[in-house]
Amino acid sequence: MPPCSICKKNTVSFTNTSYSSYSQYTQVLDGVVVCNSCRGEVGNLMNLINNKDKSISYPADTNWGKRWIEEMVKERDEGWIGFLGDLAVTFREGIHSDIQVKPGSGLPIPAHKFLLATRSEIFKTMLASDTCKAAPNGSISLPEFNHEELKTFLEFMYRGNLAKEKFEKHFYSLSVAADKYVIPHLQKFCEQQLLNMLNSTNALKVLEISEVCSNETLKLAALDAIIKYKDEIVVLPCFEEFAKQNPHLMVHITRASLTYLSGKRIFCGGSNDDTFES
C-alpha cells in the first residue's frame, strides 16, 4: 500500500476504490496516488483546471504568432491613420488655413504652411523665400497641377494615404510631384502602388514616370510588363504618340525585347546599374 502523494500520511487501499488494480488507479490519476481523504479536493482542482482549459482558445497552426503580430501592426496603423484623419478634416474644412495653393488652372486651395514645410524641404525653402512672403494673401503656385490634381496631392500631404481610385486617376502627376518636391513617403507610396497596378494599359506611362523620376525599379518592372503585354500594347492608340515623344525609351524597349528573345542580360542605359534581365 503506497502512501498518498498529497498528504504523505495515509496509505491507499485499492479495495475501497472503484479501480480493480494499482495500475488502473495510477493511470486515471496520471501516476499520482491519492487517498480517500484527499481525493475530493484533487477532484475539485482537476475540474477547475479542465474548465479553464476549455475557455482558452489555442492556435490551430504554427502561424498564429505571425498573424498576431500582423493584427497588432494593423491595429496600430489604423490608430495612426485615424490620428492623421484629424489633419484631413482641417484640410477639408479649411480650418485656420494660412496659405493659398494655386494650381495651373482652377481655383486656389487653402492649406497650412507648417504642414507643407514639414512634408517637404523644397516647400520649406519656398515658403521661407521673400517671393512667397510678399505674395498677396500668402500664396504659392504649383502650375504643374490642375485643380483636381492639386486637391488630391494636398489630400495625401495631410492624410498620408489615398483611395485606390484617386491614385489611379492621378498617378502620373502624383509620382512626378513626389520626385520634384522630394517627398519620401509619397515617393515610396507611388512606387508601391504603381508596381501593384502595372498592366498593359499603363505600362508605357509607368515607363515615362521611371525616366522622369530616375526610378530603376519602376523602369525594369515597366519594361517587363511591356514585353509581357507587347501584342496588346502595340495596337494601343497611344503607342505611336509615345514612340514619337520618347525615342530614347523606345531604345530601352527594343533592347529589353532582344534580351527577352535571347535570354541574355543587357544594359538599359549607359551605366552598369541600368540593366534589364529577363
Protein backbone atom coordinates (compact mmCIF):
# COMPACT_ATOMS: atom_id res chain seq x y z
CA MET A 1 0.00 0.00 0.00
CA PRO A 2 1.75 3.17 -1.16
CA PRO A 3 1.42 6.46 0.78
CA CYS A 4 -0.81 9.25 -0.53
CA SER A 5 1.07 11.58 -2.89
CA ILE A 6 -0.74 14.60 -1.43
CA CYS A 7 -0.74 14.25 2.37
CA LYS A 8 2.09 11.71 2.58
CA LYS A 9 0.36 10.22 5.65
CA ASN A 10 -2.48 7.96 4.70
CA THR A 11 -1.90 4.81 2.74
CA VAL A 12 -4.08 3.94 -0.19
CA SER A 13 -6.25 0.88 -0.12
CA PHE A 14 -7.35 -0.12 -3.62
CA THR A 15 -10.04 -2.43 -2.28
CA ASN A 16 -12.03 0.68 -1.26
CA THR A 17 -11.94 2.24 -4.72
CA SER A 18 -13.74 1.52 -7.95
CA TYR A 19 -10.44 0.59 -9.62
CA SER A 20 -9.52 -3.06 -9.77
CA SER A 21 -5.75 -2.63 -9.75
CA TYR A 22 -2.97 -0.22 -8.82
CA SER A 23 -2.08 0.34 -12.49
CA GLN A 24 -5.65 1.35 -13.37
CA TYR A 25 -5.78 3.73 -10.43
CA THR A 26 -2.48 5.45 -11.21
CA GLN A 27 -3.30 5.64 -14.92
CA VAL A 28 -6.51 7.52 -14.32
CA LEU A 29 -4.78 9.96 -11.97
CA ASP A 30 -1.69 10.29 -14.19
CA GLY A 31 0.58 8.36 -11.79
CA VAL A 32 -0.42 10.26 -8.64
CA VAL A 33 -1.63 8.08 -5.77
CA VAL A 34 -4.34 9.80 -3.71
CA CYS A 35 -6.00 8.67 -0.52
CA ASN A 36 -9.75 8.86 0.05
CA SER A 37 -9.35 11.93 2.29
CA CYS A 38 -7.53 13.95 -0.38
CA ARG A 39 -9.39 12.60 -3.37
CA GLY A 40 -12.28 15.05 -3.18
CA GLU A 41 -10.01 18.11 -3.14
CA VAL A 42 -7.96 16.76 -6.01
CA GLY A 43 -11.14 16.14 -7.97
CA ASN A 44 -12.28 19.74 -7.45
CA LEU A 45 -8.89 21.04 -8.55
CA MET A 46 -8.91 18.90 -11.69
CA ASN A 47 -12.43 20.11 -12.59
CA LEU A 48 -11.29 23.72 -12.20
CA ILE A 49 -8.28 23.16 -14.48
CA ASN A 50 -10.38 21.34 -17.08
CA ASN A 51 -12.95 24.14 -17.16
CA LYS A 52 -10.16 26.75 -17.50
CA ASP A 53 -8.62 24.82 -20.40
CA LYS A 54 -11.95 24.82 -22.24
CA SER A 55 -12.12 28.61 -22.01
CA ILE A 56 -8.70 29.06 -23.66
CA SER A 57 -8.53 29.23 -27.43
CA TYR A 58 -5.32 27.59 -28.59
CA PRO A 59 -3.91 28.27 -32.07
CA ALA A 60 -4.62 25.66 -34.71
CA ASP A 61 -1.31 26.06 -36.51
CA THR A 62 2.20 27.40 -36.12
CA ASN A 63 1.49 30.72 -37.89
CA TRP A 64 -0.56 32.17 -35.05
CA GLY A 65 2.38 34.30 -33.81
CA LYS A 66 2.88 35.91 -37.19
CA ARG A 67 -0.84 36.63 -37.55
CA TRP A 68 -0.98 38.09 -34.05
CA ILE A 69 1.87 40.47 -34.89
CA GLU A 70 0.18 41.42 -38.17
CA GLU A 71 -3.07 42.15 -36.31
CA MET A 72 -1.22 44.30 -33.78
CA VAL A 73 0.52 46.22 -36.56
CA LYS A 74 -2.78 46.66 -38.38
CA GLU A 75 -4.42 47.98 -35.22
CA ARG A 76 -1.54 50.39 -34.68
CA ASP A 77 -1.67 51.60 -38.29
CA GLU A 78 -5.43 52.09 -38.13
CA GLY A 79 -4.97 54.17 -34.99
CA TRP A 80 -2.28 56.22 -36.70
CA ILE A 81 -4.46 56.73 -39.76
CA GLY A 82 -7.30 57.83 -37.50
CA PHE A 83 -4.98 60.31 -35.83
CA LEU A 84 -3.92 61.70 -39.21
CA GLY A 85 -7.58 61.85 -40.14
CA ASP A 86 -7.92 64.86 -37.86
CA LEU A 87 -5.45 66.69 -40.10
CA ALA A 88 -7.52 65.68 -43.11
CA VAL A 89 -10.53 67.37 -41.52
CA THR A 90 -8.61 70.63 -41.12
CA PHE A 91 -7.71 70.46 -44.81
CA ARG A 92 -11.20 69.55 -45.99
CA GLU A 93 -12.84 72.30 -43.94
CA GLY A 94 -10.03 74.84 -44.32
CA ILE A 95 -9.72 75.32 -40.56
CA HIS A 96 -7.19 78.06 -39.68
CA SER A 97 -5.56 77.84 -43.11
CA ASP A 98 -2.81 80.42 -43.66
CA ILE A 99 -1.83 79.99 -47.31
CA GLN A 100 -3.50 79.62 -50.70
CA VAL A 101 -2.03 77.00 -53.04
CA LYS A 102 -2.66 77.95 -56.68
CA PRO A 103 -2.86 75.30 -59.42
CA GLY A 104 -2.08 75.93 -63.09
CA SER A 105 -5.82 76.10 -63.74
CA GLY A 106 -8.78 76.41 -61.45
CA LEU A 107 -9.37 77.91 -58.04
CA PRO A 108 -6.68 78.02 -55.32
CA ILE A 109 -6.94 75.66 -52.35
CA PRO A 110 -6.40 76.76 -48.73
CA ALA A 111 -3.67 74.89 -46.83
CA HIS A 112 -1.29 75.25 -43.89
CA LYS A 113 2.31 76.40 -44.16
CA PHE A 114 3.54 74.29 -41.26
CA LEU A 115 2.30 71.08 -42.84
CA LEU A 116 3.74 71.79 -46.28
CA ALA A 117 7.07 72.75 -44.70
CA THR A 118 7.25 69.59 -42.59
CA ARG A 119 6.38 67.30 -45.52
CA SER A 120 8.99 68.67 -47.93
CA GLU A 121 12.27 70.53 -47.61
CA ILE A 122 11.55 72.07 -51.02
CA PHE A 123 8.31 73.55 -49.74
CA LYS A 124 10.07 74.68 -46.59
CA THR A 125 12.54 76.66 -48.68
CA MET A 126 9.82 78.03 -50.97
CA LEU A 127 7.72 79.20 -48.04
CA ALA A 128 10.72 80.91 -46.45
CA SER A 129 11.59 82.85 -49.60
CA ASP A 130 10.92 86.56 -49.88
CA THR A 131 8.82 85.99 -53.00
CA CYS A 132 6.39 83.75 -51.12
CA LYS A 133 6.27 86.08 -48.13
CA ALA A 134 5.45 89.03 -50.37
CA ALA A 135 2.77 87.15 -52.33
CA PRO A 136 -0.76 88.56 -51.95
CA ASN A 137 -2.74 86.87 -49.18
CA GLY A 138 0.08 84.38 -48.64
CA SER A 139 0.02 82.19 -51.73
CA ILE A 140 2.20 79.67 -53.51
CA SER A 141 1.85 78.46 -57.10
CA LEU A 142 2.16 74.85 -58.28
CA PRO A 143 1.41 75.30 -62.00
CA GLU A 144 2.05 71.65 -62.94
CA PHE A 145 -1.26 70.69 -61.28
CA ASN A 146 -4.82 71.37 -62.34
CA HIS A 147 -7.33 71.95 -59.53
CA GLU A 148 -8.36 68.31 -59.09
CA GLU A 149 -4.77 67.02 -59.19
CA LEU A 150 -3.70 69.61 -56.63
CA LYS A 151 -6.56 68.71 -54.32
CA THR A 152 -5.57 65.03 -54.49
CA PHE A 153 -1.91 65.89 -53.90
CA LEU A 154 -2.72 68.02 -50.85
CA GLU A 155 -5.05 65.34 -49.51
CA PHE A 156 -2.14 62.92 -49.46
CA MET A 157 0.05 65.51 -47.75
CA TYR A 158 -2.48 65.70 -44.92
CA ARG A 159 -3.58 62.07 -44.71
CA GLY A 160 -0.51 60.13 -45.78
CA ASN A 161 -2.73 57.86 -47.86
CA LEU A 162 -5.12 57.88 -50.81
CA ALA A 163 -8.06 55.86 -52.03
CA LYS A 164 -7.13 53.47 -54.83
CA GLU A 165 -9.39 55.14 -57.39
CA LYS A 166 -7.93 58.58 -56.69
CA PHE A 167 -4.38 57.37 -57.09
CA GLU A 168 -5.13 55.50 -60.31
CA LYS A 169 -6.70 58.64 -61.76
CA HIS A 170 -3.79 60.96 -60.90
CA PHE A 171 -0.80 58.61 -60.60
CA TYR A 172 1.32 60.46 -63.15
CA SER A 173 1.08 63.92 -61.58
CA LEU A 174 1.48 62.49 -58.07
CA SER A 175 4.58 60.49 -58.98
CA VAL A 176 6.26 63.41 -60.71
CA ALA A 177 5.41 65.77 -57.84
CA ALA A 178 6.76 63.31 -55.27
CA ASP A 179 10.09 63.37 -57.08
CA LYS A 180 10.13 67.09 -57.84
CA TYR A 181 9.37 68.18 -54.27
CA VAL A 182 11.31 65.31 -52.65
CA ILE A 183 8.53 63.83 -50.53
CA PRO A 184 9.90 60.42 -49.45
CA HIS A 185 6.64 58.96 -48.17
CA LEU A 186 4.79 59.88 -51.35
CA GLN A 187 7.67 58.56 -53.48
CA LYS A 188 7.50 55.18 -51.75
CA PHE A 189 3.71 55.15 -51.87
CA CYS A 190 3.67 55.88 -55.60
CA GLU A 191 6.28 53.24 -56.37
CA GLN A 192 4.43 50.53 -54.48
CA GLN A 193 1.06 51.42 -55.95
CA LEU A 194 2.44 51.57 -59.49
CA LEU A 195 4.05 48.16 -59.14
CA ASN A 196 0.74 46.74 -57.92
CA MET A 197 -1.38 48.28 -60.69
CA LEU A 198 1.04 47.76 -63.60
CA ASN A 199 -0.70 46.34 -66.67
CA SER A 200 -0.93 46.66 -70.46
CA THR A 201 -2.87 49.95 -70.36
CA ASN A 202 -0.45 51.89 -68.14
CA ALA A 203 2.96 50.25 -68.71
CA LEU A 204 4.09 52.95 -71.15
CA LYS A 205 3.11 55.72 -68.74
CA VAL A 206 4.90 54.00 -65.88
CA LEU A 207 8.00 53.76 -68.07
CA GLU A 208 7.77 57.53 -68.65
CA ILE A 209 7.48 58.08 -64.90
CA SER A 210 10.51 55.89 -64.26
CA GLU A 211 12.52 58.04 -66.66
CA VAL A 212 11.38 61.36 -65.19
CA CYS A 213 11.94 60.17 -61.61
CA SER A 214 15.08 58.13 -62.33
CA ASN A 215 13.46 55.12 -60.69
CA GLU A 216 15.20 51.95 -61.83
CA THR A 217 12.78 49.64 -60.02
CA LEU A 218 9.86 51.06 -61.96
CA LYS A 219 11.83 51.04 -65.22
CA LEU A 220 12.62 47.34 -65.04
CA ALA A 221 9.07 46.46 -63.98
CA ALA A 222 7.58 48.58 -66.79
CA LEU A 223 9.88 47.04 -69.43
CA ASP A 224 8.96 43.60 -68.21
CA ALA A 225 5.25 44.42 -68.47
CA ILE A 226 5.67 45.94 -71.95
CA ILE A 227 7.33 42.75 -73.18
CA LYS A 228 4.71 40.59 -71.47
CA TYR A 229 1.80 42.54 -73.00
CA LYS A 230 3.53 43.59 -76.25
CA ASP A 231 0.76 42.28 -78.51
CA GLU A 232 -1.81 44.41 -76.68
CA ILE A 233 0.38 47.49 -76.27
CA VAL A 234 1.50 47.92 -79.91
CA VAL A 235 -2.12 48.34 -81.02
CA LEU A 236 -2.98 50.95 -78.38
CA PRO A 237 -3.84 54.41 -79.79
CA CYS A 238 -1.21 55.99 -77.53
CA PHE A 239 1.66 53.75 -78.66
CA GLU A 240 2.54 55.73 -81.80
CA GLU A 241 2.48 59.03 -79.92
CA PHE A 242 4.61 57.51 -77.18
CA ALA A 243 7.17 56.36 -79.76
CA LYS A 244 7.36 59.85 -81.30
CA GLN A 245 7.80 61.63 -77.98
CA ASN A 246 10.12 59.11 -76.32
CA PRO A 247 12.61 57.72 -78.87
CA HIS A 248 15.15 57.03 -76.12
CA LEU A 249 12.62 54.90 -74.25
CA MET A 250 11.86 53.02 -77.45
CA VAL A 251 15.56 52.12 -77.49
CA HIS A 252 15.17 50.66 -74.00
CA ILE A 253 12.10 48.70 -75.11
CA THR A 254 13.95 47.34 -78.15
CA ARG A 255 16.92 46.27 -76.04
CA ALA A 256 14.65 44.67 -73.46
CA SER A 257 12.81 42.78 -76.23
CA LEU A 258 16.10 41.45 -77.59
CA THR A 259 17.07 40.44 -74.08
CA TYR A 260 13.83 38.53 -73.71
CA LEU A 261 14.36 36.75 -77.03
CA SER A 262 17.99 35.88 -76.38
CA GLY A 263 17.70 35.20 -72.69
CA LYS A 264 20.80 37.30 -72.07
CA ARG A 265 21.46 40.29 -69.85
CA ILE A 266 21.99 43.70 -71.48
CA PHE A 267 22.23 47.32 -70.44
CA CYS A 268 19.15 49.58 -70.49
CA GLY A 269 21.24 52.71 -70.32
CA GLY A 270 24.78 53.94 -70.15
CA SER A 271 25.68 52.88 -66.60
CA ASN A 272 26.27 49.44 -65.20
CA ASP A 273 23.26 49.90 -62.93
CA ASP A 274 20.85 50.36 -65.83
CA THR A 275 20.30 46.70 -66.58
CA PHE A 276 17.42 44.51 -67.57
CA GLU A 277 17.24 40.79 -67.03
CA SER A 278 14.59 38.50 -68.45
